[in-house]
Amino acid sequence: MNNFCSSCGSSIPPDARFCPACGAVVVLAQSTVTPATATRQLFRPLYDRRIAGVCAAMSRAWGWDIGLLRVLTVICGIFLFPLTEIVYVACWIGIPEEMSAPPLP
């Protein structure tokens, strides 16, 4: 099945994200992403965590920088005491832990 660019009408490969002729963003009528893979799961990882894995969970789920998130958490913990600590403990309790370990190298 060939896909065609809606801007210029040229044929594009099925896995292309941009039209090779005009550079327009390709919008597929039929999405290949299922709803289960479209949303990222929020879970506390078993590895790459410091205290409880809350910052690691948020950085993995939403694509944020983990170092920046940890620094912001500490700064907010100092200036917004005890609100940040209460939210952190609530996330520690509420976010489930990762069930499976990553494969060994």
PDB file of N, CA and C in Angstrom:
ATOM      1  N   MET A   1       0.842  -1.179   0.000  1.00  0.00           N
ATOM      2  CA  MET A   1       0.000   0.000   0.000  1.00  0.00           C
ATOM      3  C   MET A   1       0.885   1.240   0.000  1.00  0.00           C
ATOM      4  N   ASN A   2       0.713   2.065  -0.983  1.00  0.00           N
ATOM      5  CA  ASN A   2       1.491   3.300  -1.094  1.00  0.00           C
ATOM      6  C   ASN A   2       0.786   4.425  -0.365  1.00  0.00           C
ATOM      7  N   ASN A   3       1.581   5.243   0.279  1.00  0.00           N
ATOM      8  CA  ASN A   3       1.068   6.448   0.906  1.00  0.00           C
ATOM      9  C   ASN A   3       1.450   7.627   0.029  1.00  0.00           C
ATOM     10  N   PHE A   4       0.607   8.621   0.028  1.00  0.00           N
ATOM     11  CA  PHE A   4       0.864   9.804  -0.772  1.00  0.00           C
ATOM     12  C   PHE A   4       0.822  11.033   0.125  1.00  0.00           C
ATOM     13  N   CYS A   5       1.678  11.982  -0.172  1.00  0.00           N
ATOM     14  CA  CYS A   5       1.747  13.222   0.587  1.00  0.00           C
ATOM     15  C   CYS A   5       0.494  14.048   0.312  1.00  0.00           C
ATOM     16  N   SER A   6      -0.087  14.580   1.360  1.00  0.00           N
ATOM     17  CA  SER A   6      -1.279  15.402   1.187  1.00  0.00           C
ATOM     18  C   SER A   6      -0.936  16.804   0.678  1.00  0.00           C
ATOM     19  N   SER A   7       0.329  17.206   0.766  1.00  0.00           N
ATOM     20  CA  SER A   7       0.731  18.529   0.299  1.00  0.00           C
ATOM     21  C   SER A   7       1.104  18.547  -1.178  1.00  0.00           C
ATOM     22  N   CYS A   8       2.006  17.610  -1.573  1.00  0.00           N
ATOM     23  CA  CYS A   8       2.493  17.646  -2.949  1.00  0.00           C
ATOM     24  C   CYS A   8       2.016  16.464  -3.792  1.00  0.00           C
ATOM     25  N   GLY A   9       1.480  15.417  -3.174  1.00  0.00           N
ATOM     26  CA  GLY A   9       0.937  14.281  -3.906  1.00  0.00           C
ATOM     27  C   GLY A   9       1.954  13.236  -4.307  1.00  0.00           C
ATOM     28  N   SER A  10       3.216  13.376  -3.900  1.00  0.00           N
ATOM     29  CA  SER A  10       4.221  12.383  -4.280  1.00  0.00           C
ATOM     30  C   SER A  10       4.117  11.147  -3.394  1.00  0.00           C
ATOM     31  N   SER A  11       4.591  10.032  -3.916  1.00  0.00           N
ATOM     32  CA  SER A  11       4.557   8.767  -3.192  1.00  0.00           C
ATOM     33  C   SER A  11       5.625   8.777  -2.099  1.00  0.00           C
ATOM     34  N   ILE A  12       5.257   8.278  -0.914  1.00  0.00           N
ATOM     35  CA  ILE A  12       6.189   8.236   0.205  1.00  0.00           C
ATOM     36  C   ILE A  12       6.246   6.820   0.754  1.00  0.00           C
ATOM     37  N   PRO A  13       7.365   6.421   1.353  1.00  0.00           N
ATOM     38  CA  PRO A  13       7.470   5.092   1.958  1.00  0.00           C
ATOM     39  C   PRO A  13       6.509   4.953   3.134  1.00  0.00           C
ATOM     40  N   PRO A  14       6.094   3.715   3.456  1.00  0.00           N
ATOM     41  CA  PRO A  14       5.120   3.530   4.532  1.00  0.00           C
ATOM     42  C   PRO A  14       5.628   3.917   5.916  1.00  0.00           C
ATOM     43  N   ASP A  15       6.948   3.873   6.144  1.00  0.00           N
ATOM     44  CA  ASP A  15       7.472   4.202   7.464  1.00  0.00           C
ATOM     45  C   ASP A  15       8.009   5.628   7.566  1.00  0.00           C
ATOM     46  N   ALA A  16       7.778   6.456   6.562  1.00  0.00           N
ATOM     47  CA  ALA A  16       8.294   7.826   6.557  1.00  0.00           C
ATOM     48  C   ALA A  16       7.482   8.722   7.480  1.00  0.00           C
ATOM     49  N   ARG A  17       8.174   9.645   8.114  1.00  0.00           N
ATOM     50  CA  ARG A  17       7.510  10.628   8.964  1.00  0.00           C
ATOM     51  C   ARG A  17       7.402  11.976   8.268  1.00  0.00           C
ATOM     52  N   PHE A  18       8.255  12.178   7.234  1.00  0.00           N
ATOM     53  CA  PHE A  18       8.252  13.407   6.457  1.00  0.00           C
ATOM     54  C   PHE A  18       8.269  13.058   4.972  1.00  0.00           C
ATOM     55  N   CYS A  19       7.682  13.899   4.169  1.00  0.00           N
ATOM     56  CA  CYS A  19       7.679  13.698   2.719  1.00  0.00           C
ATOM     57  C   CYS A  19       9.078  13.984   2.179  1.00  0.00           C
ATOM     58  N   PRO A  20       9.666  13.054   1.391  1.00  0.00           N
ATOM     59  CA  PRO A  20      11.003  13.308   0.854  1.00  0.00           C
ATOM     60  C   PRO A  20      11.030  14.410  -0.204  1.00  0.00           C
ATOM     61  N   ALA A  21       9.891  14.712  -0.828  1.00  0.00           N
ATOM     62  CA  ALA A  21       9.865  15.724  -1.886  1.00  0.00           C
ATOM     63  C   ALA A  21       9.700  17.136  -1.326  1.00  0.00           C
ATOM     64  N   CYS A  22       8.715  17.319  -0.431  1.00  0.00           N
ATOM     65  CA  CYS A  22       8.441  18.674   0.042  1.00  0.00           C
ATOM     66  C   CYS A  22       8.769  18.886   1.521  1.00  0.00           C
ATOM     67  N   GLY A  23       9.007  17.813   2.292  1.00  0.00           N
ATOM     68  CA  GLY A  23       9.357  17.940   3.702  1.00  0.00           C
ATOM     69  C   GLY A  23       8.178  18.104   4.637  1.00  0.00           C
ATOM     70  N   ALA A  24       6.964  17.936   4.130  1.00  0.00           N
ATOM     71  CA  ALA A  24       5.778  18.080   4.977  1.00  0.00           C
ATOM     72  C   ALA A  24       5.665  16.892   5.933  1.00  0.00           C
ATOM     73  N   VAL A  25       5.084  17.125   7.076  1.00  0.00           N
ATOM     74  CA  VAL A  25       4.872  16.064   8.057  1.00  0.00           C
ATOM     75  C   VAL A  25       3.816  15.115   7.529  1.00  0.00           C
ATOM     76  N   VAL A  26       4.096  13.816   7.594  1.00  0.00           N
ATOM     77  CA  VAL A  26       3.177  12.799   7.097  1.00  0.00           C
ATOM     78  C   VAL A  26       2.187  12.449   8.200  1.00  0.00           C
ATOM     79  N   VAL A  27       0.926  12.574   7.902  1.00  0.00           N
ATOM     80  CA  VAL A  27      -0.132  12.195   8.820  1.00  0.00           C
ATOM     81  C   VAL A  27      -0.834  10.997   8.207  1.00  0.00           C
ATOM     82  N   LEU A  28      -0.695   9.852   8.867  1.00  0.00           N
ATOM     83  CA  LEU A  28      -1.314   8.635   8.354  1.00  0.00           C
ATOM     84  C   LEU A  28      -2.766   8.564   8.803  1.00  0.00           C
ATOM     85  N   ALA A  29      -3.618   8.138   7.905  1.00  0.00           N
ATOM     86  CA  ALA A  29      -5.032   8.001   8.239  1.00  0.00           C
ATOM     87  C   ALA A  29      -5.249   6.848   9.196  1.00  0.00           C
ATOM     88  N   GLN A  30      -4.422   5.814   9.060  1.00  0.00           N
ATOM     89  CA  GLN A  30      -4.546   4.644   9.909  1.00  0.00           C
ATOM     90  C   GLN A  30      -3.288   4.548  10.746  1.00  0.00           C
ATOM     91  N   SER A  31      -3.393   4.772  12.026  1.00  0.00           N
ATOM     92  CA  SER A  31      -2.234   4.778  12.894  1.00  0.00           C
ATOM     93  C   SER A  31      -1.783   3.361  13.204  1.00  0.00           C
ATOM     94  N   THR A  32      -0.469   3.155  13.228  1.00  0.00           N
ATOM     95  CA  THR A  32       0.072   1.845  13.564  1.00  0.00           C
ATOM     96  C   THR A  32       0.375   1.719  15.041  1.00  0.00           C
ATOM     97  N   VAL A  33       0.168   2.778  15.806  1.00  0.00           N
ATOM     98  CA  VAL A  33       0.424   2.748  17.233  1.00  0.00           C
ATOM     99  C   VAL A  33      -0.846   2.336  17.949  1.00  0.00           C
ATOM    100  N   THR A  34      -0.747   1.313  18.764  1.00  0.00           N
ATOM    101  CA  THR A  34      -1.903   0.863  19.533  1.00  0.00           C
ATOM    102  C   THR A  34      -2.018   1.711  20.795  1.00  0.00           C
ATOM    103  N   PRO A  35      -3.208   1.828  21.358  1.00  0.00           N
ATOM    104  CA  PRO A  35      -3.363   2.639  22.569  1.00  0.00           C
ATOM    105  C   PRO A  35      -2.497   2.158  23.727  1.00  0.00           C
ATOM    106  N   ALA A  36      -2.206   0.857  23.808  1.00  0.00           N
ATOM    107  CA  ALA A  36      -1.389   0.352  24.906  1.00  0.00           C
ATOM    108  C   ALA A  36       0.052   0.835  24.791  1.00  0.00           C
ATOM    109  N   THR A  37       0.580   0.974  23.574  1.00  0.00           N
ATOM    110  CA  THR A  37       1.947   1.440  23.418  1.00  0.00           C
ATOM    111  C   THR A  37       2.029   2.950  23.300  1.00  0.00           C
ATOM    112  N   ALA A  38       0.910   3.615  23.085  1.00  0.00           N
ATOM    113  CA  ALA A  38       0.933   5.067  22.954  1.00  0.00           C
ATOM    114  C   ALA A  38       1.163   5.739  24.303  1.00  0.00           C
ATOM    115  N   THR A  39       0.679   5.152  25.380  1.00  0.00           N
ATOM    116  CA  THR A  39       0.867   5.725  26.702  1.00  0.00           C
ATOM    117  C   THR A  39       1.992   5.002  27.407  1.00  0.00           C
ATOM    118  N   ARG A  40       2.833   5.756  28.050  1.00  0.00           N
ATOM    119  CA  ARG A  40       3.928   5.165  28.799  1.00  0.00           C
ATOM    120  C   ARG A  40       3.449   4.865  30.207  1.00  0.00           C
ATOM    121  N   GLN A  41       3.897   3.759  30.717  1.00  0.00           N
ATOM    122  CA  GLN A  41       3.499   3.353  32.057  1.00  0.00           C
ATOM    123  C   GLN A  41       4.330   4.100  33.104  1.00  0.00           C
ATOM    124  N   LEU A  42       3.681   4.486  34.171  1.00  0.00           N
ATOM    125  CA  LEU A  42       4.362   5.137  35.284  1.00  0.00           C
ATOM    126  C   LEU A  42       4.624   4.075  36.340  1.00  0.00           C
ATOM    127  N   PHE A  43       5.890   3.671  36.487  1.00  0.00           N
ATOM    128  CA  PHE A  43       6.271   2.701  37.489  1.00  0.00           C
ATOM    129  C   PHE A  43       7.652   3.045  38.014  1.00  0.00           C
ATOM    130  N   ARG A  44       7.916   2.648  39.253  1.00  0.00           N
ATOM    131  CA  ARG A  44       9.215   2.904  39.864  1.00  0.00           C
ATOM    132  C   ARG A  44      10.171   1.797  39.441  1.00  0.00           C
ATOM    133  N   PRO A  45      11.273   2.138  38.761  1.00  0.00           N
ATOM    134  CA  PRO A  45      12.186   1.107  38.264  1.00  0.00           C
ATOM    135  C   PRO A  45      12.973   0.450  39.395  1.00  0.00           C
ATOM    136  N   LEU A  46      13.409  -0.780  39.147  1.00  0.00           N
ATOM    137  CA  LEU A  46      14.227  -1.487  40.124  1.00  0.00           C
ATOM    138  C   LEU A  46      15.660  -0.975  40.134  1.00  0.00           C
ATOM    139  N   TYR A  47      16.124  -0.473  38.995  1.00  0.00           N
ATOM    140  CA  TYR A  47      17.481   0.025  38.868  1.00  0.00           C
ATOM    141  C   TYR A  47      17.434   1.504  38.493  1.00  0.00           C
ATOM    142  N   ASP A  48      18.558   2.205  38.657  1.00  0.00           N
ATOM    143  CA  ASP A  48      18.675   3.629  38.355  1.00  0.00           C
ATOM    144  C   ASP A  48      17.776   4.470  39.250  1.00  0.00           C
ATOM    145  N   ARG A  49      17.731   4.117  40.529  1.00  0.00           N
ATOM    146  CA  ARG A  49      16.957   4.894  41.480  1.00  0.00           C
ATOM    147  C   ARG A  49      17.844   5.255  42.657  1.00  0.00           C
ATOM    148  N   ARG A  50      17.511   6.354  43.317  1.00  0.00           N
ATOM    149  CA  ARG A  50      18.329   6.803  44.441  1.00  0.00           C
ATOM    150  C   ARG A  50      17.643   6.502  45.779  1.00  0.00           C
ATOM    151  N   ILE A  51      16.496   7.060  46.027  1.00  0.00           N
ATOM    152  CA  ILE A  51      15.823   6.830  47.307  1.00  0.00           C
ATOM    153  C   ILE A  51      14.662   5.861  47.116  1.00  0.00           C
ATOM    154  N   ALA A  52      13.693   6.233  46.330  1.00  0.00           N
ATOM    155  CA  ALA A  52      12.526   5.369  46.135  1.00  0.00           C
ATOM    156  C   ALA A  52      12.200   5.152  44.669  1.00  0.00           C
ATOM    157  N   GLY A  53      12.854   5.857  43.780  1.00  0.00           N
ATOM    158  CA  GLY A  53      12.592   5.692  42.358  1.00  0.00           C
ATOM    159  C   GLY A  53      11.503   6.584  41.815  1.00  0.00           C
ATOM    160  N   VAL A  54      11.049   7.560  42.587  1.00  0.00           N
ATOM    161  CA  VAL A  54       9.974   8.443  42.129  1.00  0.00           C
ATOM    162  C   VAL A  54      10.463   9.342  40.993  1.00  0.00           C
ATOM    163  N   CYS A  55      11.618   9.951  41.147  1.00  0.00           N
ATOM    164  CA  CYS A  55      12.158  10.816  40.084  1.00  0.00           C
ATOM    165  C   CYS A  55      12.486  10.001  38.841  1.00  0.00           C
ATOM    166  N   ALA A  56      13.016   8.791  39.024  1.00  0.00           N
ATOM    167  CA  ALA A  56      13.325   7.924  37.878  1.00  0.00           C
ATOM    168  C   ALA A  56      12.053   7.522  37.149  1.00  0.00           C
ATOM    169  N   ALA A  57      10.986   7.272  37.893  1.00  0.00           N
ATOM    170  CA  ALA A  57       9.713   6.898  37.274  1.00  0.00           C
ATOM    171  C   ALA A  57       9.157   8.038  36.438  1.00  0.00           C
ATOM    172  N   MET A  58       9.184   9.244  36.977  1.00  0.00           N
ATOM    173  CA  MET A  58       8.655  10.389  36.246  1.00  0.00           C
ATOM    174  C   MET A  58       9.514  10.730  35.033  1.00  0.00           C
ATOM    175  N   SER A  59      10.832  10.603  35.169  1.00  0.00           N
ATOM    176  CA  SER A  59      11.697  10.922  34.034  1.00  0.00           C
ATOM    177  C   SER A  59      11.536   9.903  32.908  1.00  0.00           C
ATOM    178  N   ARG A  60      11.333   8.641  33.236  1.00  0.00           N
ATOM    179  CA  ARG A  60      11.128   7.628  32.199  1.00  0.00           C
ATOM    180  C   ARG A  60       9.752   7.749  31.550  1.00  0.00           C
ATOM    181  N   ALA A  61       8.743   8.051  32.335  1.00  0.00           N
ATOM    182  CA  ALA A  61       7.383   8.106  31.793  1.00  0.00           C
ATOM    183  C   ALA A  61       7.170   9.322  30.900  1.00  0.00           C
ATOM    184  N   TRP A  62       7.744  10.452  31.266  1.00  0.00           N
ATOM    185  CA  TRP A  62       7.474  11.672  30.524  1.00  0.00           C
ATOM    186  C   TRP A  62       8.669  12.194  29.739  1.00  0.00           C
ATOM    187  N   GLY A  63       9.803  11.496  29.770  1.00  0.00           N
ATOM    188  CA  GLY A  63      10.964  11.889  28.981  1.00  0.00           C
ATOM    189  C   GLY A  63      11.717  13.095  29.516  1.00  0.00           C
ATOM    190  N   TRP A  64      11.624  13.340  30.797  1.00  0.00           N
ATOM    191  CA  TRP A  64      12.335  14.456  31.403  1.00  0.00           C
ATOM    192  C   TRP A  64      13.754  14.036  31.755  1.00  0.00           C
ATOM    193  N   ASP A  65      14.637  15.004  31.943  1.00  0.00           N
ATOM    194  CA  ASP A  65      16.000  14.739  32.365  1.00  0.00           C
ATOM    195  C   ASP A  65      15.996  14.374  33.848  1.00  0.00           C
ATOM    196  N   ILE A  66      16.561  13.217  34.180  1.00  0.00           N
ATOM    197  CA  ILE A  66      16.487  12.730  35.554  1.00  0.00           C
ATOM    198  C   ILE A  66      17.320  13.584  36.508  1.00  0.00           C
ATOM    199  N   GLY A  67      18.471  14.071  36.050  1.00  0.00           N
ATOM    200  CA  GLY A  67      19.306  14.906  36.907  1.00  0.00           C
ATOM    201  C   GLY A  67      18.628  16.221  37.261  1.00  0.00           C
ATOM    202  N   LEU A  68      18.045  16.851  36.258  1.00  0.00           N
ATOM    203  CA  LEU A  68      17.335  18.103  36.494  1.00  0.00           C
ATOM    204  C   LEU A  68      16.132  17.894  37.412  1.00  0.00           C
ATOM    205  N   LEU A  69      15.430  16.798  37.226  1.00  0.00           N
ATOM    206  CA  LEU A  69      14.272  16.502  38.070  1.00  0.00           C
ATOM    207  C   LEU A  69      14.687  16.273  39.521  1.00  0.00           C
ATOM    208  N   ARG A  70      15.810  15.606  39.729  1.00  0.00           N
ATOM    209  CA  ARG A  70      16.291  15.381  41.098  1.00  0.00           C
ATOM    210  C   ARG A  70      16.725  16.681  41.762  1.00  0.00           C
ATOM    211  N   VAL A  71      17.390  17.547  40.997  1.00  0.00           N
ATOM    212  CA  VAL A  71      17.808  18.839  41.548  1.00  0.00           C
ATOM    213  C   VAL A  71      16.585  19.689  41.892  1.00  0.00           C
ATOM    214  N   LEU A  72      15.593  19.722  41.007  1.00  0.00           N
ATOM    215  CA  LEU A  72      14.366  20.482  41.290  1.00  0.00           C
ATOM    216  C   LEU A  72      13.625  19.926  42.498  1.00  0.00           C
ATOM    217  N   THR A  73      13.648  18.617  42.675  1.00  0.00           N
ATOM    218  CA  THR A  73      12.993  18.006  43.830  1.00  0.00           C
ATOM    219  C   THR A  73      13.672  18.433  45.124  1.00  0.00           C
ATOM    220  N   VAL A  74      14.994  18.455  45.144  1.00  0.00           N
ATOM    221  CA  VAL A  74      15.723  18.878  46.337  1.00  0.00           C
ATOM    222  C   VAL A  74      15.482  20.358  46.620  1.00  0.00           C
ATOM    223  N   ILE A  75      15.542  21.196  45.575  1.00  0.00           N
ATOM    224  CA  ILE A  75      15.317  22.628  45.772  1.00  0.00           C
ATOM    225  C   ILE A  75      13.901  22.895  46.270  1.00  0.00           C
ATOM    226  N   CYS A  76      12.922  22.234  45.663  1.00  0.00           N
ATOM    227  CA  CYS A  76      11.540  22.403  46.131  1.00  0.00           C
ATOM    228  C   CYS A  76      11.368  21.846  47.537  1.00  0.00           C
ATOM    229  N   GLY A  77      12.098  20.786  47.864  1.00  0.00           N
ATOM    230  CA  GLY A  77      12.032  20.226  49.210  1.00  0.00           C
ATOM    231  C   GLY A  77      12.554  21.182  50.264  1.00  0.00           C
ATOM    232  N   ILE A  78      13.532  21.976  49.890  1.00  0.00           N
ATOM    233  CA  ILE A  78      14.082  22.953  50.832  1.00  0.00           C
ATOM    234  C   ILE A  78      13.150  24.149  50.991  1.00  0.00           C
ATOM    235  N   PHE A  79      12.668  24.679  49.874  1.00  0.00           N
ATOM    236  CA  PHE A  79      11.887  25.913  49.936  1.00  0.00           C
ATOM    237  C   PHE A  79      10.393  25.700  50.190  1.00  0.00           C
ATOM    238  N   LEU A  80       9.863  24.566  49.857  1.00  0.00           N
ATOM    239  CA  LEU A  80       8.428  24.316  50.043  1.00  0.00           C
ATOM    240  C   LEU A  80       8.162  23.277  51.122  1.00  0.00           C
ATOM    241  N   PHE A  81       9.070  23.152  52.075  1.00  0.00           N
ATOM    242  CA  PHE A  81       8.924  22.179  53.149  1.00  0.00           C
ATOM    243  C   PHE A  81       7.617  22.399  53.879  1.00  0.00           C
ATOM    244  N   PRO A  82       6.833  21.424  54.191  1.00  0.00           N
ATOM    245  CA  PRO A  82       6.880  19.979  53.983  1.00  0.00           C
ATOM    246  C   PRO A  82       6.050  19.503  52.787  1.00  0.00           C
ATOM    247  N   LEU A  83       5.568  20.411  51.946  1.00  0.00           N
ATOM    248  CA  LEU A  83       4.677  20.038  50.849  1.00  0.00           C
ATOM    249  C   LEU A  83       5.340  19.062  49.877  1.00  0.00           C
ATOM    250  N   THR A  84       6.571  19.343  49.469  1.00  0.00           N
ATOM    251  CA  THR A  84       7.262  18.482  48.511  1.00  0.00           C
ATOM    252  C   THR A  84       7.493  17.091  49.096  1.00  0.00           C
ATOM    253  N   GLU A  85       7.845  17.023  50.376  1.00  0.00           N
ATOM    254  CA  GLU A  85       8.080  15.736  51.005  1.00  0.00           C
ATOM    255  C   GLU A  85       6.801  14.910  51.097  1.00  0.00           C
ATOM    256  N   ILE A  86       5.680  15.550  51.353  1.00  0.00           N
ATOM    257  CA  ILE A  86       4.393  14.840  51.420  1.00  0.00           C
ATOM    258  C   ILE A  86       4.018  14.296  50.047  1.00  0.00           C
ATOM    259  N   VAL A  87       4.201  15.112  49.003  1.00  0.00           N
ATOM    260  CA  VAL A  87       3.903  14.663  47.638  1.00  0.00           C
ATOM    261  C   VAL A  87       4.840  13.528  47.232  1.00  0.00           C
ATOM    262  N   TYR A  88       6.126  13.616  47.600  1.00  0.00           N
ATOM    263  CA  TYR A  88       7.093  12.573  47.264  1.00  0.00           C
ATOM    264  C   TYR A  88       6.716  11.252  47.928  1.00  0.00           C
ATOM    265  N   VAL A  89       6.354  11.283  49.198  1.00  0.00           N
ATOM    266  CA  VAL A  89       5.955  10.058  49.909  1.00  0.00           C
ATOM    267  C   VAL A  89       4.654   9.507  49.324  1.00  0.00           C
ATOM    268  N   ALA A  90       3.733  10.375  48.951  1.00  0.00           N
ATOM    269  CA  ALA A  90       2.491   9.915  48.324  1.00  0.00           C
ATOM    270  C   ALA A  90       2.771   9.237  46.985  1.00  0.00           C
ATOM    271  N   CYS A  91       3.707   9.796  46.215  1.00  0.00           N
ATOM    272  CA  CYS A  91       4.086   9.159  44.951  1.00  0.00           C
ATOM    273  C   CYS A  91       4.804   7.840  45.206  1.00  0.00           C
ATOM    274  N   TRP A  92       5.615   7.777  46.251  1.00  0.00           N
ATOM    275  CA  TRP A  92       6.315   6.555  46.624  1.00  0.00           C
ATOM    276  C   TRP A  92       5.307   5.445  46.923  1.00  0.00           C
ATOM    277  N   ILE A  93       4.247   5.798  47.603  1.00  0.00           N
ATOM    278  CA  ILE A  93       3.210   4.817  47.939  1.00  0.00           C
ATOM    279  C   ILE A  93       2.318   4.523  46.736  1.00  0.00           C
ATOM    280  N   GLY A  94       1.995   5.535  45.945  1.00  0.00           N
ATOM    281  CA  GLY A  94       1.018   5.385  44.876  1.00  0.00           C
ATOM    282  C   GLY A  94       1.539   4.831  43.565  1.00  0.00           C
ATOM    283  N   ILE A  95       2.806   5.077  43.234  1.00  0.00           N
ATOM    284  CA  ILE A  95       3.355   4.588  41.965  1.00  0.00           C
ATOM    285  C   ILE A  95       3.828   3.153  42.164  1.00  0.00           C
ATOM    286  N   PRO A  96       3.330   2.216  41.374  1.00  0.00           N
ATOM    287  CA  PRO A  96       3.732   0.817  41.559  1.00  0.00           C
ATOM    288  C   PRO A  96       5.184   0.589  41.146  1.00  0.00           C
ATOM    289  N   GLU A  97       5.769  -0.453  41.732  1.00  0.00           N
ATOM    290  CA  GLU A  97       7.151  -0.801  41.427  1.00  0.00           C
ATOM    291  C   GLU A  97       7.210  -1.692  40.200  1.00  0.00           C
ATOM    292  N   GLU A  98       8.293  -1.587  39.458  1.00  0.00           N
ATOM    293  CA  GLU A  98       8.492  -2.396  38.267  1.00  0.00           C
ATOM    294  C   GLU A  98       8.522  -3.875  38.660  1.00  0.00           C
ATOM    295  N   MET A  99       7.854  -4.702  37.868  1.00  0.00           N
ATOM    296  CA  MET A  99       7.738  -6.111  38.213  1.00  0.00           C
ATOM    297  C   MET A  99       8.891  -6.964  37.701  1.00  0.00           C
ATOM    298  N   SER A 100       9.385  -6.693  36.516  1.00  0.00           N
ATOM    299  CA  SER A 100      10.417  -7.553  35.931  1.00  0.00           C
ATOM    300  C   SER A 100      11.749  -6.838  35.903  1.00  0.00           C
ATOM    301  N   ALA A 101      12.795  -7.606  36.046  1.00  0.00           N
ATOM    302  CA  ALA A 101      14.148  -7.066  35.984  1.00  0.00           C
ATOM    303  C   ALA A 101      14.597  -6.983  34.541  1.00  0.00           C
ATOM    304  N   PRO A 102      15.441  -6.016  34.181  1.00  0.00           N
ATOM    305  CA  PRO A 102      15.942  -5.939  32.807  1.00  0.00           C
ATOM    306  C   PRO A 102      16.853  -7.120  32.518  1.00  0.00           C
ATOM    307  N   PRO A 103      16.990  -7.508  31.249  1.00  0.00           N
ATOM    308  CA  PRO A 103      17.840  -8.658  30.920  1.00  0.00           C
ATOM    309  C   PRO A 103      19.304  -8.376  31.214  1.00  0.00           C
ATOM    310  N   LEU A 104      20.015  -9.416  31.604  1.00  0.00           N
ATOM    311  CA  LEU A 104      21.430  -9.284  31.895  1.00  0.00           C
ATOM    312  C   LEU A 104      22.231  -9.160  30.610  1.00  0.00           C
ATOM    313  N   PRO A 105      23.325  -8.386  30.631  1.00  0.00           N
ATOM    314  CA  PRO A 105      24.122  -8.208  29.398  1.00  0.00           C
ATOM    315  C   PRO A 105      24.872  -9.456  29.007  1.00  0.00           C
TER     316      PRO A 105
END
